[in-house]
Protein backbone atom coordinates (compact mmCIF):
# COMPACT_ATOMS: atom_id res chain seq x y z
CA MET A 1 103.90 -25.57 136.08
CA LYS A 2 107.50 -26.76 135.98
CA PHE A 3 110.28 -24.14 135.75
CA GLN A 4 113.92 -24.58 134.84
CA THR A 5 116.37 -22.95 137.27
CA LYS A 6 116.97 -19.60 135.52
CA ALA A 7 113.28 -19.17 134.78
CA LEU A 8 112.47 -19.87 138.42
CA TYR A 9 114.80 -17.11 139.61
CA ASN A 10 113.50 -14.75 136.93
CA LEU A 11 109.99 -15.43 138.20
CA LEU A 12 111.06 -14.81 141.78
CA ARG A 13 112.60 -11.50 140.72
CA LEU A 14 109.44 -10.46 138.87
CA ASN A 15 107.35 -11.28 141.92
CA TYR A 16 109.77 -9.39 144.16
CA MET A 17 109.56 -6.33 141.92
CA SER A 18 105.78 -6.43 142.31
CA ASP A 19 105.94 -7.10 146.05
CA PRO A 20 109.25 -6.21 147.80
CA THR A 21 107.94 -7.70 151.06
CA ILE A 22 108.48 -11.20 149.66
CA SER A 23 110.96 -13.11 151.81
CA CYS A 24 114.14 -13.84 149.82
CA GLU A 25 117.88 -13.27 149.77
CA SER A 26 119.36 -10.44 147.70
CA TRP A 27 121.27 -12.76 145.33
CA GLN A 28 118.04 -14.55 144.45
CA VAL A 29 116.44 -11.42 142.97
CA GLU A 30 119.50 -9.51 141.78
CA ASP A 31 119.72 -8.32 138.18
CA MET A 32 123.02 -9.94 137.25
CA ARG A 33 123.16 -7.97 133.99
CA LYS A 34 124.01 -4.88 136.02
CA ALA A 35 126.98 -6.50 137.78
CA SER A 36 130.49 -5.83 136.50
CA THR A 37 132.43 -8.69 134.96
CA GLU A 38 135.09 -8.35 137.67
CA ASP A 39 132.42 -8.68 140.34
CA LEU A 40 131.05 -11.86 138.76
CA TYR A 41 134.49 -13.50 138.73
CA HIS A 42 135.21 -12.32 142.28
CA ARG A 43 131.97 -13.72 143.65
CA LEU A 44 132.62 -17.06 141.96
CA GLU A 45 136.08 -17.11 143.55
CA ILE A 46 134.52 -16.56 146.99
CA LEU A 47 132.26 -19.56 146.28
CA GLY A 48 135.28 -21.69 145.38
CA ILE A 49 135.40 -21.41 141.58
CA GLU A 50 138.29 -19.62 139.87
CA LEU A 51 137.46 -18.52 136.34
CA THR A 52 138.91 -16.10 133.82
CA LYS A 53 137.67 -15.10 130.40
CA GLU A 54 140.24 -17.43 128.83
CA SER A 55 139.43 -20.41 131.07
CA LEU A 56 135.72 -19.83 130.47
CA TRP A 57 136.28 -20.18 126.73
CA GLN A 58 138.44 -23.28 127.19
CA LEU A 59 136.03 -25.02 129.55
CA SER A 60 133.04 -24.18 127.37
CA GLU A 61 134.50 -26.11 124.42
CA GLY A 62 133.18 -29.31 125.94
CA CYS A 63 129.81 -27.84 126.92
CA ASP A 64 126.82 -26.68 124.91
CA THR A 65 124.96 -24.82 127.66
CA PRO A 66 125.68 -22.84 130.84
CA GLU A 67 123.91 -25.62 132.72
CA GLU A 68 126.41 -28.21 131.46
CA LEU A 69 129.35 -25.98 132.39
CA THR A 70 127.92 -25.39 135.86
CA ASP A 71 127.47 -29.14 136.41
CA ALA A 72 131.06 -29.76 135.32
CA LEU A 73 132.47 -27.10 137.64
CA LEU A 74 130.32 -28.15 140.59
CA GLU A 75 130.78 -31.90 140.24
CA GLY A 76 130.74 -33.49 143.68
CA THR A 77 129.21 -30.55 145.57
CA HIS A 78 126.02 -31.02 147.57
CA ASN A 79 124.97 -27.53 148.62
CA ALA A 80 121.93 -26.45 146.60
CA LYS A 81 122.14 -22.82 147.74
CA ILE A 82 125.78 -22.41 146.71
CA ASP A 83 125.17 -24.36 143.50
CA ASP A 84 122.39 -21.98 142.48
CA GLN A 85 124.48 -18.91 143.28
CA CYS A 86 127.30 -20.29 141.14
CA TYR A 87 124.89 -21.15 138.34
CA LEU A 88 123.46 -17.63 138.15
CA LEU A 89 126.96 -16.13 137.98
CA ILE A 90 128.17 -18.62 135.36
CA PHE A 91 124.97 -18.11 133.36
CA GLU A 92 125.63 -14.36 133.14
CA LEU A 93 129.26 -14.85 132.10
CA TRP A 94 128.15 -17.33 129.42
CA ARG A 95 125.55 -14.85 128.17
CA ARG A 96 128.17 -12.09 127.86
CA PHE A 97 131.12 -13.93 126.40
CA LEU A 98 129.69 -16.91 124.48
CA PRO A 99 126.98 -15.37 122.29
CA GLU A 100 127.68 -17.92 119.56
CA LYS A 101 126.51 -20.67 121.94
CA GLN A 102 122.94 -19.56 122.45
CA SER A 103 121.26 -22.30 124.44
CA LEU A 104 117.51 -22.50 125.00
CA SER A 105 117.90 -21.06 128.50
CA ILE A 106 119.90 -18.10 127.15
CA PHE A 107 117.32 -17.43 124.43
CA CYS A 108 114.41 -17.64 126.85
CA ASP A 109 116.15 -15.40 129.38
CA GLU A 110 116.43 -12.73 126.68
CA LEU A 111 112.82 -13.31 125.62
CA ASP A 112 111.70 -12.89 129.23
CA LEU A 113 113.56 -9.58 129.37
CA ARG A 114 112.01 -8.32 126.14
CA ILE A 115 108.52 -9.34 127.22
CA PHE A 116 109.04 -7.47 130.49
CA ARG A 117 110.29 -4.37 128.69
CA TYR A 118 107.44 -4.53 126.19
CA GLU A 119 104.85 -4.76 128.94
CA HIS A 120 106.46 -1.80 130.74
CA ASN A 121 106.95 0.31 127.58
CA GLU A 122 110.74 0.15 127.92
CA LEU A 123 111.67 -1.15 124.45
CA GLN A 124 113.58 1.20 122.19
CA SER A 125 111.66 -0.12 119.17
CA ASP A 126 109.01 -2.72 118.32
CA GLU A 127 111.64 -4.59 116.31
CA GLU A 128 113.13 -5.90 119.56
CA ILE A 129 110.04 -7.96 120.40
CA GLN A 130 109.30 -8.75 116.75
CA ASP A 131 112.79 -10.20 116.24
CA ALA A 132 112.45 -12.25 119.42
CA LEU A 133 109.13 -13.69 118.25
CA ALA A 134 110.59 -14.49 114.82
CA ASN A 135 113.40 -16.42 116.53
CA LEU A 136 110.83 -18.14 118.74
CA GLU A 137 108.95 -19.25 115.61
CA ASP A 138 112.16 -20.73 114.19
CA ILE A 139 112.93 -22.67 117.38
CA LEU A 140 109.43 -24.11 117.60
CA ASP A 141 109.38 -25.04 113.91
CA GLU A 142 112.80 -26.70 114.11
CA ASN A 143 111.61 -28.95 116.93
CA VAL A 144 108.45 -29.90 115.04
CA ASP A 145 110.57 -30.68 111.96
CA MET A 146 112.53 -33.10 114.15
CA GLY A 147 109.32 -34.96 114.97
CA VAL A 148 108.35 -33.41 118.31
CA GLU A 149 104.63 -32.72 118.74
CA PRO A 150 103.76 -28.98 118.72
CA SER A 151 102.15 -29.13 122.16
CA GLU A 152 105.17 -30.91 123.65
CA THR A 153 107.56 -28.48 121.96
CA PHE A 154 105.74 -25.49 123.40
CA ALA A 155 105.47 -27.03 126.86
CA ARG A 156 109.20 -27.80 126.98
CA LEU A 157 110.16 -24.31 125.90
CA SER A 158 107.74 -22.70 128.36
CA GLU A 159 109.66 -24.32 131.24
CA TYR A 160 112.51 -21.92 130.50
CA LEU A 161 110.33 -18.80 130.75
CA ALA A 162 109.14 -16.86 133.77
CA HIS A 163 106.33 -15.25 131.80
CA ASP A 164 103.15 -17.00 130.69
CA LEU A 165 104.12 -17.28 127.03
CA GLU A 166 100.71 -18.32 125.73
CA GLY A 167 99.03 -15.50 127.63
CA PHE A 168 101.58 -13.01 126.30
CA LEU A 169 101.11 -14.20 122.71
CA TYR A 170 97.35 -13.76 122.99
CA ASP A 171 97.70 -10.24 124.40
CA TYR A 172 100.36 -9.25 121.87
CA ILE A 173 98.47 -10.52 118.82
CA ALA A 174 95.24 -8.93 120.08
CA GLU A 175 97.10 -5.63 120.48
CA GLN A 176 98.25 -5.87 116.86
CA VAL A 177 94.60 -6.14 115.82
CA ASP A 178 93.75 -3.15 118.04
CA ALA A 179 96.51 -1.18 116.29
CA ASP A 180 95.17 -2.17 112.83
CA ASN A 181 98.30 -4.25 112.11
CA TYR A 182 96.09 -6.91 110.58
CA LEU A 183 98.61 -8.63 108.30
CA TYR A 184 101.17 -9.03 111.08
CA ALA A 185 98.49 -10.26 113.48
CA GLN A 186 97.35 -12.83 110.91
CA GLU A 187 100.93 -13.97 110.35
CA LEU A 188 101.55 -14.45 114.08
CA LEU A 189 98.24 -16.23 114.54
CA GLU A 190 98.93 -18.70 111.74
CA GLU A 191 102.41 -19.43 113.06
CA PHE A 192 101.64 -19.89 116.75
CA TYR A 193 98.10 -21.32 116.64
CA PRO A 194 99.24 -24.98 116.27
CA PHE A 195 101.25 -24.68 119.50
CA MET A 196 98.51 -23.20 121.71
CA THR A 197 96.40 -25.04 124.29
CA GLU A 198 93.62 -22.47 124.91
CA LEU A 199 92.54 -22.41 121.27
CA VAL A 200 89.21 -20.71 121.86
CA TRP A 201 91.00 -17.50 122.90
CA PHE A 202 92.92 -17.48 119.62
CA ASP A 203 89.75 -18.36 117.72
CA PHE A 204 88.38 -15.08 119.06
CA ILE A 205 91.28 -13.24 117.43
CA ARG A 206 90.52 -15.13 114.21
CA LEU A 207 86.93 -13.97 114.59
CA ARG A 208 88.01 -10.35 114.89
CA LEU A 209 90.14 -10.62 111.76
CA LEU A 210 87.49 -12.47 109.75
CA SER A 211 84.85 -9.87 110.59
CA LEU A 212 86.86 -7.27 108.67
CA ASN A 213 86.20 -8.88 105.29
CA ASP A 214 83.86 -11.87 105.57
CA ILE A 215 80.80 -11.44 107.80
CA ALA A 216 79.31 -14.82 106.86
CA ALA A 217 82.51 -16.69 107.76
CA SER A 218 82.90 -14.69 110.97
CA ASN A 219 79.35 -15.59 112.02
CA GLU A 220 80.10 -19.27 111.39
CA LEU A 221 83.19 -19.03 113.56
CA ALA A 222 81.29 -17.10 116.23
CA GLU A 223 78.70 -19.88 116.36
CA LYS A 224 81.48 -22.46 116.74
CA ILE A 225 83.09 -20.45 119.56
CA ILE A 226 79.78 -20.06 121.38
CA LYS A 227 79.18 -23.81 121.20
CA GLU A 228 82.67 -24.47 122.55
CA LEU A 229 82.13 -22.02 125.41
CA LYS A 230 78.82 -23.63 126.27
CA LYS A 231 80.74 -26.87 126.87
CA SER A 232 83.65 -25.16 128.67
CA PRO A 233 82.49 -21.73 129.92
CA ASN A 234 84.95 -18.90 130.48
CA LEU A 235 83.42 -15.74 131.90
CA ASP A 236 86.31 -13.41 131.06
CA LEU A 237 86.46 -14.55 127.45
CA GLN A 238 82.69 -14.47 127.04
CA LEU A 239 82.58 -10.87 128.24
CA GLU A 240 85.41 -10.00 125.84
CA ILE A 241 83.53 -11.54 122.93
CA LEU A 242 80.31 -9.80 123.92
CA ARG A 243 82.09 -6.42 124.00
CA PHE A 244 83.27 -7.09 120.47
CA MET A 245 79.88 -8.32 119.27
CA ALA A 246 78.12 -5.33 120.84
CA GLU A 247 79.72 -3.23 118.10
CA THR A 248 79.62 -5.56 115.11
CA GLY A 249 77.96 -8.84 116.02
CA ASP A 250 74.92 -10.73 114.82
CA ARG A 251 71.87 -10.18 117.06
CA SER A 252 70.88 -13.82 117.50
CA LEU A 253 74.44 -14.93 118.27
CA PHE A 254 74.92 -12.03 120.68
CA LEU A 255 71.76 -12.89 122.60
CA GLN A 256 72.65 -16.58 122.63
CA LEU A 257 76.00 -15.78 124.25
CA VAL A 258 74.34 -13.37 126.70
CA LYS A 259 71.98 -16.09 127.89
CA ASN A 260 74.86 -18.55 128.28
CA THR A 261 76.85 -15.96 130.22
CA LEU A 262 73.99 -15.22 132.61
CA LYS A 263 74.25 -18.81 133.80
CA ILE A 264 77.87 -18.49 134.93
CA LEU A 265 77.90 -15.11 136.69
CA LYS A 266 79.76 -15.20 140.01
CA LYS A 267 79.90 -11.67 141.40
CA GLU A 268 77.90 -8.46 141.26
CA GLU A 269 80.59 -6.73 139.22
CA ASP A 270 80.29 -9.46 136.57
CA PHE A 271 76.57 -8.77 136.25
CA LEU A 272 77.13 -5.02 135.96
CA ASP A 273 79.80 -5.57 133.28
CA LEU A 274 77.36 -7.72 131.34
CA LEU A 275 74.55 -5.18 131.70
CA GLU A 276 76.80 -2.42 130.39
CA VAL A 277 77.74 -4.47 127.33
CA ILE A 278 74.09 -5.29 126.61
CA ALA A 279 73.13 -1.62 126.95
CA ASP A 280 75.85 -0.72 124.42
CA PHE A 281 74.49 -3.33 122.02
CA TYR A 282 70.96 -1.94 122.08
CA ARG A 283 72.29 1.61 121.86
CA ARG A 284 73.93 0.64 118.57
CA LEU A 285 70.59 -0.71 117.37
CA ASP A 286 68.81 2.51 118.45
CA GLN A 287 66.45 0.53 120.68
CA GLU A 288 66.16 3.13 123.41
CA ASP A 289 63.36 1.34 125.25
CA VAL A 290 65.52 -1.74 125.89
CA GLU A 291 68.57 0.36 126.68
CA LYS A 292 66.61 2.38 129.25
CA ALA A 293 65.21 -0.79 130.84
CA ILE A 294 68.73 -2.14 131.25
CA GLN A 295 69.97 1.19 132.61
CA THR A 296 67.18 1.09 135.19
CA ILE A 297 68.40 -2.30 136.39
CA MET A 298 71.96 -0.98 136.60
CA ASN A 299 70.92 2.09 138.59
CA ARG A 300 68.94 -0.05 141.01
CA ARG A 301 72.02 -2.14 141.80
CA GLN A 302 74.57 0.64 142.35
CA ALA A 303 74.50 0.21 146.14
CA LYS A 304 75.56 -3.44 145.96
CA GLN A 305 79.16 -4.45 146.68
CA PRO A 306 81.16 -5.39 143.53
CA LEU A 307 82.39 -8.67 145.01
CA GLU A 308 79.02 -9.68 146.41
CA LYS A 309 78.02 -13.14 145.25
CA ILE A 310 75.31 -13.06 142.61
CA ASN A 311 72.15 -15.09 143.02
CA LEU A 312 71.23 -16.60 139.65
CA LYS A 313 67.58 -16.41 140.71
CA ASP A 314 67.87 -12.65 141.29
CA PRO A 315 64.68 -10.84 140.13
CA ASP A 316 66.76 -8.47 137.99
CA ILE A 317 68.15 -11.39 136.00
CA LYS A 318 64.60 -12.51 135.30
CA LYS A 319 63.62 -8.96 134.29
CA LEU A 320 66.62 -8.75 131.99
CA LYS A 321 65.63 -11.94 130.20
CA LEU A 322 62.17 -10.51 129.60
CA VAL A 323 63.44 -7.37 127.84
CA LEU A 324 65.98 -9.13 125.62
CA HIS A 325 64.77 -9.58 122.08
């Protein structure tokens, strides 16, 4: 994955916040938004660049982005470390004093911040992330209107973000479904689906929405997803779909996906997760005999280590196949 400079430092800071033992210099992980304006100018002066608010405005007239301004001010220098320090300081000054010149890097820096705050429950209101996503839609659509392929548009924009944007969009839209915000979830899905690469994950969200009103159509989509996953298995997604189908799914499709999933188990904890989902499915159907048989298998395996490698010829897998019907 390629990262543009600001996104790279945002990513380093995120990693540092998760693990402060990471080796780095303080300026590389500093939150520049907390620095005073005077401090930003002073630090630039120490690095050899004299700027004021007035000269910043004047110099920016010939530049469209903080990257262009940095290149102009650093022309002829050959010290990558100093260049990056200057860039981060100039970027923050641009963000504060040139809001009318919102470059892609400035927009994505703000989007990164809002994603972080959303994931850490620090937003003052949901409108902050909703507005950011609406602006994201506009940027993506504008590029497509200019003839850029959706996949290329999304890939280019993602270079300016520290977060996994596609992963965030999946989680966020799925959370809207969880919260019964079905219309908004459908709107987001329709807008962003053409730009995604892991379409089968977003097809699962479509499946969840379809199942609310059209069981026949949702079963058709479920069958399509299962076929796709048979060609390109994904254990995490298959378990997610099975958890959903355990509550509302078609029996034959559920069992088909169970059998496909049994073939790709890696660890003991995966097998136990699958057994629990299957037990829930038969509990819903009031088939206590099958549920008890599965519970017996689970109890027998409690002493095993969660990360222990699973043997696909394990006798309990064979016993499970015999009780499934």
